[in-house]
Each structure stands twice: as C-alpha cells, then as structure tokens.
C-alpha cells in the first residue's frame, strides 16, 4: 500500500523583517503539525512589499544569502524539521501561486504601515490570498508593543457560507494544535432593522430572535468539528457589530484569525470579500484566509 508524502508548509522569502516573521510562524506550525517546510524566493519581486528604494540584484547567486540565512535560522530553531528550498526567476506571486498547489498552507509576510498609517497588504500577498490553491496565512512584522500580547484564543469568522464552514475546519485544527479555545464569531449589523421603523419592544424581539437563529446556525456547523476535536473549548459569540470590526477587535489577543476569502455578503464574482480584505489590512496578528477548494 503506497503512502503519500505530507504536503509542506510553504513560505515566501524576500529578506525582509516581514518574511522573517513568516518563517518563524511557519516553523512553529510545521513543528506542531509534524509537516515539512518548503522555502521559496523569487528574484523579480519580493513576497512582501518593503521600501520602494530597495535594490534587487539581478544575479540569482546574489540572492542565495536570503535562503542561507533562513536555513541557518531554521536549523538552529528546529533542527528536526525537514526543509527544502528553491530560488526562482520571475514574479514572486506566480511562483508562490504555482507552488501552493502542492502545499498544505502558504505563509507570507504582510506589508508594513503606509504613509497614511493604515496597515496595507503588499501586492504579492494580495495576489496569493486571491489566487493560491491552499489556505494562506499572512503574518506581519509586529511592533514592540505587540510583542507583549498574549495568544489567548483562535478566532474564526462565520456567516453560514460554504467557505466559512471550511474556515471552521481549519480553525478547529489550529486551536487543537495550539491547545487554545476557539471563538466562533458571527456578527451582523442591526442598522438594517432601523429601516423597518419598528417599535422599540418589537425591534428588540426581532433582534433577540435573529441572534438566537445565528447562534443555532453556528452551533450546528461547529458541532461535527467539536466532536472531532473534543480538546477544543468552543465559544460561540453572536455580536451586533460590523463583521470585520468584530474580528479585528478580537485579533488583539488571538494566536490566529481565520476567515473565508469571501462570504455571503460578497459581490458575485468577487475574489476577496470585503470582510476578509478588511481583516487582512487591520488585524493585529496573523490571519488565515481559506480559499475555495477547486475540484
């Protein structure tokens, strides 16, 4: 009987601090899950967007230090890990998209703070969360203040869509590996109730009924995974808030926030939904984006 080799955790490198953070995250993930690690660096563009003044050498040999530095770090931090690496020419976005077809998870860094002070995504990171064949985890370089934050839970956004069901599966496994509780967040904005001009007492009844319905929906979707991962404490939160804000707020002390790449509210044909896009841009920690499964 033949056995299939486990799919690796794939990491994009460009020599930046953001990519170094991605490597550290991937080391912990691969060690916890007993998976191999595969490092990829593409010559033409960085996996994360750093300074526009960065000069990229044109010789592949000049880029070898990026892989060698990462490999030395991995051998020191986790000598038991099985690690492979590749350096390619061409756009990083294409190299990582192609390599993700054989990966368990793709890990990339996020761009740092822009001139307007908001956290933005680099072009390659944005491309892979839209087009990768595997789940994508985006890791940003944390500020010194963020270093002190504690990872108290895993957070997953749920809206009843097929992708949020897949996000639940990923989130339960992530919480189990980390021995952390899982917070299932289902958020909705009650401003729509105001359009009906209901009497306050009736509006409160409608709100309570809607909250109960959403809680039952999330509980039913989570039940099979709670049975598979009995070690995970599952907490369901129905909140009346903008979904992206609810998830970003809970990311401050989260080991990981998990979202589907698009949900029920996405425009038909859209690749990255507005909720996942906003969480990626503003979350305080790593974000996992679950992509549609291609049959």
C-alpha atoms as a PDB file:
ATOM      1  CA  UNK A   1       0.000   0.000   0.000  1.00  0.00           C
ATOM      2  CA  UNK A   2       1.507   3.334  -1.051  1.00  0.00           C
ATOM      3  CA  UNK A   3       1.600   6.349   1.220  1.00  0.00           C
ATOM      4  CA  UNK A   4       1.535   9.978   0.177  1.00  0.00           C
ATOM      5  CA  UNK A   5       4.190  12.353   1.429  1.00  0.00           C
ATOM      6  CA  UNK A   6       2.726  15.111   3.603  1.00  0.00           C
ATOM      7  CA  UNK A   7       2.235  18.462   1.934  1.00  0.00           C
ATOM      8  CA  UNK A   8       4.672  21.069   3.243  1.00  0.00           C
ATOM      9  CA  UNK A   9       4.178  24.436   4.842  1.00  0.00           C
ATOM     10  CA  UNK A  10       5.266  26.790   2.054  1.00  0.00           C
ATOM     11  CA  UNK A  11       6.965  30.084   2.939  1.00  0.00           C
ATOM     12  CA  UNK A  12       7.745  33.031   0.702  1.00  0.00           C
ATOM     13  CA  UNK A  13      11.068  34.797   1.340  1.00  0.00           C
ATOM     14  CA  UNK A  14      12.423  38.198   0.363  1.00  0.00           C
ATOM     15  CA  UNK A  15      14.889  39.006   3.124  1.00  0.00           C
ATOM     16  CA  UNK A  16      12.554  41.468   4.869  1.00  0.00           C
ATOM     17  CA  UNK A  17      11.542  41.512   8.531  1.00  0.00           C
ATOM     18  CA  UNK A  18       8.006  40.632   7.451  1.00  0.00           C
ATOM     19  CA  UNK A  19       9.269  37.479   5.741  1.00  0.00           C
ATOM     20  CA  UNK A  20      11.360  36.617   8.816  1.00  0.00           C
ATOM     21  CA  UNK A  21       8.180  36.736  10.865  1.00  0.00           C
ATOM     22  CA  UNK A  22       6.516  34.464   8.330  1.00  0.00           C
ATOM     23  CA  UNK A  23       9.379  31.974   8.665  1.00  0.00           C
ATOM     24  CA  UNK A  24       9.060  31.946  12.462  1.00  0.00           C
ATOM     25  CA  UNK A  25       5.314  31.373  12.209  1.00  0.00           C
ATOM     26  CA  UNK A  26       5.863  28.569   9.697  1.00  0.00           C
ATOM     27  CA  UNK A  27       8.492  26.891  11.901  1.00  0.00           C
ATOM     28  CA  UNK A  28       6.040  26.733  14.792  1.00  0.00           C
ATOM     29  CA  UNK A  29       3.246  25.482  12.528  1.00  0.00           C
ATOM     30  CA  UNK A  30       5.352  22.800  10.851  1.00  0.00           C
ATOM     31  CA  UNK A  31       6.780  21.640  14.189  1.00  0.00           C
ATOM     32  CA  UNK A  32       3.355  21.429  15.817  1.00  0.00           C
ATOM     33  CA  UNK A  33       1.831  19.558  12.910  1.00  0.00           C
ATOM     34  CA  UNK A  34       4.918  17.459  12.060  1.00  0.00           C
ATOM     35  CA  UNK A  35       4.982  18.735   8.476  1.00  0.00           C
ATOM     36  CA  UNK A  36       7.953  19.555   6.233  1.00  0.00           C
ATOM     37  CA  UNK A  37       8.866  23.128   5.356  1.00  0.00           C
ATOM     38  CA  UNK A  38       9.491  24.459   1.851  1.00  0.00           C
ATOM     39  CA  UNK A  39      11.060  27.888   1.281  1.00  0.00           C
ATOM     40  CA  UNK A  40      10.703  29.827  -1.974  1.00  0.00           C
ATOM     41  CA  UNK A  41      12.396  33.035  -3.042  1.00  0.00           C
ATOM     42  CA  UNK A  42      11.637  34.630  -6.415  1.00  0.00           C
ATOM     43  CA  UNK A  43      14.124  37.039  -7.928  1.00  0.00           C
ATOM     44  CA  UNK A  44      11.958  39.571  -9.736  1.00  0.00           C
ATOM     45  CA  UNK A  45       9.634  40.740  -6.949  1.00  0.00           C
ATOM     46  CA  UNK A  46       9.538  40.427  -3.169  1.00  0.00           C
ATOM     47  CA  UNK A  47       6.992  38.285  -1.399  1.00  0.00           C
ATOM     48  CA  UNK A  48       6.309  41.268   0.810  1.00  0.00           C
ATOM     49  CA  UNK A  49       6.459  44.881  -0.207  1.00  0.00           C
ATOM     50  CA  UNK A  50       9.180  46.791   1.604  1.00  0.00           C
ATOM     51  CA  UNK A  51      10.823  50.082   0.762  1.00  0.00           C
ATOM     52  CA  UNK A  52      10.395  51.189  -2.853  1.00  0.00           C
ATOM     53  CA  UNK A  53      14.102  52.126  -2.727  1.00  0.00           C
ATOM     54  CA  UNK A  54      15.169  48.513  -2.225  1.00  0.00           C
ATOM     55  CA  UNK A  55      17.637  47.433  -4.931  1.00  0.00           C
ATOM     56  CA  UNK A  56      17.150  43.867  -6.105  1.00  0.00           C
ATOM     57  CA  UNK A  57      20.319  42.236  -7.507  1.00  0.00           C
ATOM     58  CA  UNK A  58      19.972  40.748 -10.957  1.00  0.00           C
ATOM     59  CA  UNK A  59      22.107  37.671 -10.301  1.00  0.00           C
ATOM     60  CA  UNK A  60      20.458  34.612  -8.775  1.00  0.00           C
ATOM     61  CA  UNK A  61      23.692  33.917  -6.917  1.00  0.00           C
ATOM     62  CA  UNK A  62      23.445  37.279  -5.177  1.00  0.00           C
ATOM     63  CA  UNK A  63      20.154  36.157  -3.658  1.00  0.00           C
ATOM     64  CA  UNK A  64      21.488  32.928  -2.171  1.00  0.00           C
ATOM     65  CA  UNK A  65      22.075  34.663   1.179  1.00  0.00           C
ATOM     66  CA  UNK A  66      18.329  35.026   1.682  1.00  0.00           C
ATOM     67  CA  UNK A  67      17.794  31.275   1.628  1.00  0.00           C
ATOM     68  CA  UNK A  68      21.014  30.506   3.508  1.00  0.00           C
ATOM     69  CA  UNK A  69      20.097  32.914   6.303  1.00  0.00           C
ATOM     70  CA  UNK A  70      16.640  31.385   6.632  1.00  0.00           C
ATOM     71  CA  UNK A  71      18.031  27.837   6.561  1.00  0.00           C
ATOM     72  CA  UNK A  72      20.580  28.595   9.275  1.00  0.00           C
ATOM     73  CA  UNK A  73      17.826  30.079  11.422  1.00  0.00           C
ATOM     74  CA  UNK A  74      15.569  27.051  10.930  1.00  0.00           C
ATOM     75  CA  UNK A  75      18.353  24.554  11.661  1.00  0.00           C
ATOM     76  CA  UNK A  76      19.069  26.369  14.908  1.00  0.00           C
ATOM     77  CA  UNK A  77      15.430  26.856  15.947  1.00  0.00           C
ATOM     78  CA  UNK A  78      14.067  23.467  14.854  1.00  0.00           C
ATOM     79  CA  UNK A  79      16.822  21.055  13.779  1.00  0.00           C
ATOM     80  CA  UNK A  80      14.348  18.190  13.486  1.00  0.00           C
ATOM     81  CA  UNK A  81      12.358  19.857  10.686  1.00  0.00           C
ATOM     82  CA  UNK A  82      12.600  18.553   7.137  1.00  0.00           C
ATOM     83  CA  UNK A  83      13.339  21.608   4.976  1.00  0.00           C
ATOM     84  CA  UNK A  84      13.620  22.117   1.228  1.00  0.00           C
ATOM     85  CA  UNK A  85      14.144  25.354  -0.676  1.00  0.00           C
ATOM     86  CA  UNK A  86      14.039  26.878  -4.140  1.00  0.00           C
ATOM     87  CA  UNK A  87      15.101  30.123  -5.761  1.00  0.00           C
ATOM     88  CA  UNK A  88      13.340  31.081  -8.967  1.00  0.00           C
ATOM     89  CA  UNK A  89      13.231  33.843 -11.507  1.00  0.00           C
ATOM     90  CA  UNK A  90      10.028  35.687 -12.352  1.00  0.00           C
ATOM     91  CA  UNK A  91       7.262  37.241 -10.253  1.00  0.00           C
ATOM     92  CA  UNK A  92       7.003  36.019  -6.667  1.00  0.00           C
ATOM     93  CA  UNK A  93       3.216  35.997  -6.954  1.00  0.00           C
ATOM     94  CA  UNK A  94       3.331  33.464  -9.798  1.00  0.00           C
ATOM     95  CA  UNK A  95       5.990  31.303  -8.135  1.00  0.00           C
ATOM     96  CA  UNK A  96       4.045  31.085  -4.892  1.00  0.00           C
ATOM     97  CA  UNK A  97       0.693  30.558  -6.583  1.00  0.00           C
ATOM     98  CA  UNK A  98       2.151  27.650  -8.562  1.00  0.00           C
ATOM     99  CA  UNK A  99       3.942  26.137  -5.557  1.00  0.00           C
ATOM    100  CA  UNK A 100       0.808  26.394  -3.405  1.00  0.00           C
ATOM    101  CA  UNK A 101      -0.826  23.677  -5.498  1.00  0.00           C
ATOM    102  CA  UNK A 102       1.382  21.157  -3.663  1.00  0.00           C
ATOM    103  CA  UNK A 103       1.343  22.876  -0.264  1.00  0.00           C
ATOM    104  CA  UNK A 104      -0.687  22.360   2.881  1.00  0.00           C
ATOM    105  CA  UNK A 105      -0.561  26.070   3.711  1.00  0.00           C
ATOM    106  CA  UNK A 106       1.175  29.084   2.177  1.00  0.00           C
ATOM    107  CA  UNK A 107       2.706  31.603   4.592  1.00  0.00           C
ATOM    108  CA  UNK A 108       3.683  35.120   3.509  1.00  0.00           C
ATOM    109  CA  UNK A 109       4.539  38.405   5.158  1.00  0.00           C
ATOM    110  CA  UNK A 110       2.358  41.496   5.028  1.00  0.00           C
ATOM    111  CA  UNK A 111       3.397  44.977   4.095  1.00  0.00           C
ATOM    112  CA  UNK A 112       4.099  47.389   6.971  1.00  0.00           C
ATOM    113  CA  UNK A 113       2.402  50.681   7.803  1.00  0.00           C
ATOM    114  CA  UNK A 114       1.956  53.034   4.890  1.00  0.00           C
ATOM    115  CA  UNK A 115       2.165  56.802   4.857  1.00  0.00           C
ATOM    116  CA  UNK A 116      -1.498  57.089   5.858  1.00  0.00           C
ATOM    117  CA  UNK A 117      -0.883  54.996   8.955  1.00  0.00           C
ATOM    118  CA  UNK A 118      -3.109  52.072   7.990  1.00  0.00           C
ATOM    119  CA  UNK A 119      -1.845  48.528   7.640  1.00  0.00           C
ATOM    120  CA  UNK A 120      -1.761  47.626   3.965  1.00  0.00           C
ATOM    121  CA  UNK A 121      -1.072  44.441   2.047  1.00  0.00           C
ATOM    122  CA  UNK A 122       1.822  44.033  -0.328  1.00  0.00           C
ATOM    123  CA  UNK A 123       0.987  43.266  -3.939  1.00  0.00           C
ATOM    124  CA  UNK A 124       2.286  39.692  -3.767  1.00  0.00           C
ATOM    125  CA  UNK A 125       0.452  38.941  -0.535  1.00  0.00           C
ATOM    126  CA  UNK A 126      -2.744  40.321  -2.037  1.00  0.00           C
ATOM    127  CA  UNK A 127      -2.267  38.205  -5.158  1.00  0.00           C
ATOM    128  CA  UNK A 128      -1.789  34.929  -3.309  1.00  0.00           C
ATOM    129  CA  UNK A 129      -4.753  35.393  -0.978  1.00  0.00           C
ATOM    130  CA  UNK A 130      -6.806  35.863  -4.152  1.00  0.00           C
ATOM    131  CA  UNK A 131      -5.334  33.038  -6.219  1.00  0.00           C
ATOM    132  CA  UNK A 132      -3.451  30.457  -4.134  1.00  0.00           C
ATOM    133  CA  UNK A 133      -4.538  26.815  -4.267  1.00  0.00           C
ATOM    134  CA  UNK A 134      -4.138  26.366  -0.494  1.00  0.00           C
ATOM    135  CA  UNK A 135      -5.028  28.281   2.648  1.00  0.00           C
ATOM    136  CA  UNK A 136      -2.870  31.401   3.017  1.00  0.00           C
ATOM    137  CA  UNK A 137      -1.575  32.786   6.304  1.00  0.00           C
ATOM    138  CA  UNK A 138      -0.479  36.424   6.255  1.00  0.00           C
ATOM    139  CA  UNK A 139       1.973  37.378   9.005  1.00  0.00           C
ATOM    140  CA  UNK A 140       3.038  40.944   9.646  1.00  0.00           C
ATOM    141  CA  UNK A 141       6.054  42.350  11.419  1.00  0.00           C
ATOM    142  CA  UNK A 142       4.761  43.175  14.880  1.00  0.00           C
ATOM    143  CA  UNK A 143       5.525  46.385  16.715  1.00  0.00           C
ATOM    144  CA  UNK A 144       7.393  46.340  20.018  1.00  0.00           C
ATOM    145  CA  UNK A 145       4.098  46.943  21.831  1.00  0.00           C
ATOM    146  CA  UNK A 146       2.558  43.914  20.135  1.00  0.00           C
ATOM    147  CA  UNK A 147       5.411  41.677  21.297  1.00  0.00           C
ATOM    148  CA  UNK A 148       3.903  41.636  24.793  1.00  0.00           C
ATOM    149  CA  UNK A 149       0.458  40.485  23.666  1.00  0.00           C
ATOM    150  CA  UNK A 150      -0.578  37.007  24.725  1.00  0.00           C
ATOM    151  CA  UNK A 151      -2.195  34.457  22.447  1.00  0.00           C
ATOM    152  CA  UNK A 152      -5.344  33.545  24.340  1.00  0.00           C
ATOM    153  CA  UNK A 153      -7.515  32.010  21.619  1.00  0.00           C
ATOM    154  CA  UNK A 154      -8.055  31.275  17.941  1.00  0.00           C
ATOM    155  CA  UNK A 155     -10.793  33.322  16.271  1.00  0.00           C
ATOM    156  CA  UNK A 156     -12.876  32.312  13.260  1.00  0.00           C
ATOM    157  CA  UNK A 157     -15.476  34.334  11.403  1.00  0.00           C
ATOM    158  CA  UNK A 158     -18.671  32.505  10.490  1.00  0.00           C
ATOM    159  CA  UNK A 159     -21.538  33.670   8.262  1.00  0.00           C
ATOM    160  CA  UNK A 160     -23.141  30.418   7.136  1.00  0.00           C
ATOM    161  CA  UNK A 161     -21.389  30.304   3.753  1.00  0.00           C
ATOM    162  CA  UNK A 162     -19.601  27.202   2.435  1.00  0.00           C
ATOM    163  CA  UNK A 163     -16.238  28.902   2.873  1.00  0.00           C
ATOM    164  CA  UNK A 164     -16.974  29.765   6.481  1.00  0.00           C
ATOM    165  CA  UNK A 165     -17.660  26.050   7.032  1.00  0.00           C
ATOM    166  CA  UNK A 166     -14.193  25.341   5.618  1.00  0.00           C
ATOM    167  CA  UNK A 167     -12.804  28.092   7.854  1.00  0.00           C
ATOM    168  CA  UNK A 168     -14.314  26.305  10.863  1.00  0.00           C
ATOM    169  CA  UNK A 169     -12.480  23.100   9.949  1.00  0.00           C
ATOM    170  CA  UNK A 170      -9.159  24.951   9.647  1.00  0.00           C
ATOM    171  CA  UNK A 171      -9.759  26.905  12.857  1.00  0.00           C
ATOM    172  CA  UNK A 172     -10.617  23.841  14.961  1.00  0.00           C
ATOM    173  CA  UNK A 173      -7.411  22.128  13.840  1.00  0.00           C
ATOM    174  CA  UNK A 174      -5.404  25.288  14.556  1.00  0.00           C
ATOM    175  CA  UNK A 175      -6.893  25.621  18.038  1.00  0.00           C
ATOM    176  CA  UNK A 176      -6.243  21.969  18.799  1.00  0.00           C
ATOM    177  CA  UNK A 177      -2.581  22.197  17.755  1.00  0.00           C
ATOM    178  CA  UNK A 178      -2.128  25.269  19.927  1.00  0.00           C
ATOM    179  CA  UNK A 179      -4.173  23.947  22.869  1.00  0.00           C
ATOM    180  CA  UNK A 180      -6.256  27.109  22.824  1.00  0.00           C
ATOM    181  CA  UNK A 181     -10.006  27.774  22.949  1.00  0.00           C
ATOM    182  CA  UNK A 182     -11.799  28.664  19.729  1.00  0.00           C
ATOM    183  CA  UNK A 183     -14.044  31.708  19.483  1.00  0.00           C
ATOM    184  CA  UNK A 184     -16.586  31.405  16.673  1.00  0.00           C
ATOM    185  CA  UNK A 185     -17.731  34.925  15.832  1.00  0.00           C
ATOM    186  CA  UNK A 186     -20.915  35.573  13.887  1.00  0.00           C
ATOM    187  CA  UNK A 187     -21.519  39.295  13.549  1.00  0.00           C
ATOM    188  CA  UNK A 188     -24.299  41.270  11.957  1.00  0.00           C
ATOM    189  CA  UNK A 189     -25.099  44.944  11.719  1.00  0.00           C
ATOM    190  CA  UNK A 190     -28.519  45.767  13.205  1.00  0.00           C
ATOM    191  CA  UNK A 191     -28.764  49.086  11.377  1.00  0.00           C
ATOM    192  CA  UNK A 192     -30.904  47.317   8.798  1.00  0.00           C
ATOM    193  CA  UNK A 193     -33.627  46.983  11.441  1.00  0.00           C
ATOM    194  CA  UNK A 194     -33.915  50.764  11.611  1.00  0.00           C
ATOM    195  CA  UNK A 195     -35.209  50.840   8.040  1.00  0.00           C
ATOM    196  CA  UNK A 196     -38.351  48.993   9.182  1.00  0.00           C
ATOM    197  CA  UNK A 197     -39.158  51.665  11.796  1.00  0.00           C
ATOM    198  CA  UNK A 198     -40.276  49.052  14.322  1.00  0.00           C
ATOM    199  CA  UNK A 199     -41.443  49.912  17.806  1.00  0.00           C
ATOM    200  CA  UNK A 200     -38.571  49.502  20.312  1.00  0.00           C
ATOM    201  CA  UNK A 201     -40.083  46.457  22.016  1.00  0.00           C
ATOM    202  CA  UNK A 202     -40.744  44.711  18.702  1.00  0.00           C
ATOM    203  CA  UNK A 203     -37.288  45.637  17.375  1.00  0.00           C
ATOM    204  CA  UNK A 204     -35.738  44.066  20.478  1.00  0.00           C
ATOM    205  CA  UNK A 205     -37.747  40.879  19.951  1.00  0.00           C
ATOM    206  CA  UNK A 206     -36.647  40.694  16.331  1.00  0.00           C
ATOM    207  CA  UNK A 207     -33.023  41.306  17.343  1.00  0.00           C
ATOM    208  CA  UNK A 208     -33.152  38.599  20.009  1.00  0.00           C
ATOM    209  CA  UNK A 209     -34.743  36.106  17.599  1.00  0.00           C
ATOM    210  CA  UNK A 210     -32.128  36.883  14.949  1.00  0.00           C
ATOM    211  CA  UNK A 211     -29.313  36.432  17.470  1.00  0.00           C
ATOM    212  CA  UNK A 212     -30.745  33.079  18.563  1.00  0.00           C
ATOM    213  CA  UNK A 213     -31.084  31.903  14.968  1.00  0.00           C
ATOM    214  CA  UNK A 214     -27.484  32.845  14.181  1.00  0.00           C
ATOM    215  CA  UNK A 215     -26.225  31.139  17.329  1.00  0.00           C
ATOM    216  CA  UNK A 216     -28.058  27.930  16.419  1.00  0.00           C
ATOM    217  CA  UNK A 217     -26.694  28.089  12.873  1.00  0.00           C
ATOM    218  CA  UNK A 218     -23.115  28.445  14.100  1.00  0.00           C
ATOM    219  CA  UNK A 219     -23.552  25.762  16.759  1.00  0.00           C
ATOM    220  CA  UNK A 220     -24.870  23.276  14.200  1.00  0.00           C
ATOM    221  CA  UNK A 221     -21.977  23.983  11.819  1.00  0.00           C
ATOM    222  CA  UNK A 222     -19.403  23.698  14.614  1.00  0.00           C
ATOM    223  CA  UNK A 223     -20.821  20.507  16.137  1.00  0.00           C
ATOM    224  CA  UNK A 224     -19.085  17.958  13.838  1.00  0.00           C
ATOM    225  CA  UNK A 225     -15.730  19.670  14.359  1.00  0.00           C
ATOM    226  CA  UNK A 226     -16.229  19.940  18.111  1.00  0.00           C
ATOM    227  CA  UNK A 227     -16.792  16.183  18.108  1.00  0.00           C
ATOM    228  CA  UNK A 228     -13.624  15.611  16.078  1.00  0.00           C
ATOM    229  CA  UNK A 229     -11.604  17.934  18.324  1.00  0.00           C
ATOM    230  CA  UNK A 230     -13.018  17.328  21.833  1.00  0.00           C
ATOM    231  CA  UNK A 231      -9.959  19.014  23.357  1.00  0.00           C
ATOM    232  CA  UNK A 232     -11.021  22.388  21.922  1.00  0.00           C
ATOM    233  CA  UNK A 233     -13.183  24.612  24.091  1.00  0.00           C
ATOM    234  CA  UNK A 234     -15.677  26.138  21.668  1.00  0.00           C
ATOM    235  CA  UNK A 235     -17.244  29.517  22.394  1.00  0.00           C
ATOM    236  CA  UNK A 236     -19.856  30.983  20.060  1.00  0.00           C
ATOM    237  CA  UNK A 237     -20.305  34.749  20.041  1.00  0.00           C
ATOM    238  CA  UNK A 238     -23.181  36.412  18.220  1.00  0.00           C
ATOM    239  CA  UNK A 239     -22.423  40.125  18.152  1.00  0.00           C
ATOM    240  CA  UNK A 240     -24.220  43.117  16.717  1.00  0.00           C
ATOM    241  CA  UNK A 241     -21.324  44.812  15.009  1.00  0.00           C
ATOM    242  CA  UNK A 242     -19.719  45.255  11.614  1.00  0.00           C
ATOM    243  CA  UNK A 243     -18.216  41.784  10.949  1.00  0.00           C
ATOM    244  CA  UNK A 244     -14.720  42.975  10.033  1.00  0.00           C
ATOM    245  CA  UNK A 245     -14.528  45.213  13.099  1.00  0.00           C
ATOM    246  CA  UNK A 246     -15.694  42.402  15.373  1.00  0.00           C
ATOM    247  CA  UNK A 247     -12.913  40.146  14.095  1.00  0.00           C
ATOM    248  CA  UNK A 248     -10.231  42.837  14.160  1.00  0.00           C
ATOM    249  CA  UNK A 249     -11.129  43.725  17.754  1.00  0.00           C
ATOM    250  CA  UNK A 250     -10.683  40.090  18.805  1.00  0.00           C
ATOM    251  CA  UNK A 251      -7.391  39.749  16.924  1.00  0.00           C
ATOM    252  CA  UNK A 252      -5.503  41.747  19.568  1.00  0.00           C
ATOM    253  CA  UNK A 253      -5.004  38.676  21.769  1.00  0.00           C
ATOM    254  CA  UNK A 254      -5.526  35.943  19.152  1.00  0.00           C
ATOM    255  CA  UNK A 255      -2.935  33.432  18.010  1.00  0.00           C
ATOM    256  CA  UNK A 256      -4.721  33.359  14.656  1.00  0.00           C
ATOM    257  CA  UNK A 257      -7.805  34.816  12.981  1.00  0.00           C
ATOM    258  CA  UNK A 258      -9.398  32.583  10.331  1.00  0.00           C
ATOM    259  CA  UNK A 259     -11.679  33.902   7.590  1.00  0.00           C
ATOM    260  CA  UNK A 260     -13.081  32.654   4.313  1.00  0.00           C
ATOM    261  CA  UNK A 261     -11.803  34.506   1.260  1.00  0.00           C
ATOM    262  CA  UNK A 262     -15.369  35.567   0.546  1.00  0.00           C
ATOM    263  CA  UNK A 263     -18.693  35.162   2.299  1.00  0.00           C
ATOM    264  CA  UNK A 264     -22.408  35.555   1.779  1.00  0.00           C
ATOM    265  CA  UNK A 265     -22.111  39.310   1.501  1.00  0.00           C
ATOM    266  CA  UNK A 266     -19.506  39.337  -1.260  1.00  0.00           C
ATOM    267  CA  UNK A 267     -20.342  40.735  -4.664  1.00  0.00           C
ATOM    268  CA  UNK A 268     -20.952  37.928  -7.116  1.00  0.00           C
ATOM    269  CA  UNK A 269     -17.708  37.152  -8.919  1.00  0.00           C
ATOM    270  CA  UNK A 270     -15.560  38.894  -6.313  1.00  0.00           C
ATOM    271  CA  UNK A 271     -12.428  37.020  -5.284  1.00  0.00           C
ATOM    272  CA  UNK A 272     -11.626  38.550  -1.910  1.00  0.00           C
ATOM    273  CA  UNK A 273     -14.656  39.603   0.107  1.00  0.00           C
ATOM    274  CA  UNK A 274     -14.843  42.927   1.915  1.00  0.00           C
ATOM    275  CA  UNK A 275     -14.761  41.339   5.380  1.00  0.00           C
ATOM    276  CA  UNK A 276     -11.658  39.243   4.724  1.00  0.00           C
ATOM    277  CA  UNK A 277      -9.955  42.153   2.956  1.00  0.00           C
ATOM    278  CA  UNK A 278     -10.535  44.481   5.915  1.00  0.00           C
ATOM    279  CA  UNK A 279      -9.434  41.880   8.446  1.00  0.00           C
ATOM    280  CA  UNK A 280      -6.238  41.303   6.479  1.00  0.00           C
ATOM    281  CA  UNK A 281      -5.485  45.008   6.403  1.00  0.00           C
ATOM    282  CA  UNK A 282      -6.190  45.801  10.036  1.00  0.00           C
ATOM    283  CA  UNK A 283      -5.804  42.672  12.191  1.00  0.00           C
ATOM    284  CA  UNK A 284      -3.238  42.820  14.989  1.00  0.00           C
ATOM    285  CA  UNK A 285      -1.828  39.349  14.321  1.00  0.00           C
ATOM    286  CA  UNK A 286      -1.658  36.511  11.778  1.00  0.00           C
ATOM    287  CA  UNK A 287      -4.686  35.927   9.556  1.00  0.00           C
ATOM    288  CA  UNK A 288      -5.503  32.689   7.735  1.00  0.00           C
ATOM    289  CA  UNK A 289      -7.559  33.060   4.548  1.00  0.00           C
ATOM    290  CA  UNK A 290      -9.353  29.927   3.420  1.00  0.00           C
ATOM    291  CA  UNK A 291      -9.612  29.631  -0.332  1.00  0.00           C
ATOM    292  CA  UNK A 292     -12.322  27.750  -2.298  1.00  0.00           C
ATOM    293  CA  UNK A 293     -11.497  24.130  -2.997  1.00  0.00           C
ATOM    294  CA  UNK A 294     -11.018  23.505  -6.697  1.00  0.00           C
ATOM    295  CA  UNK A 295     -12.265  20.085  -7.745  1.00  0.00           C
END
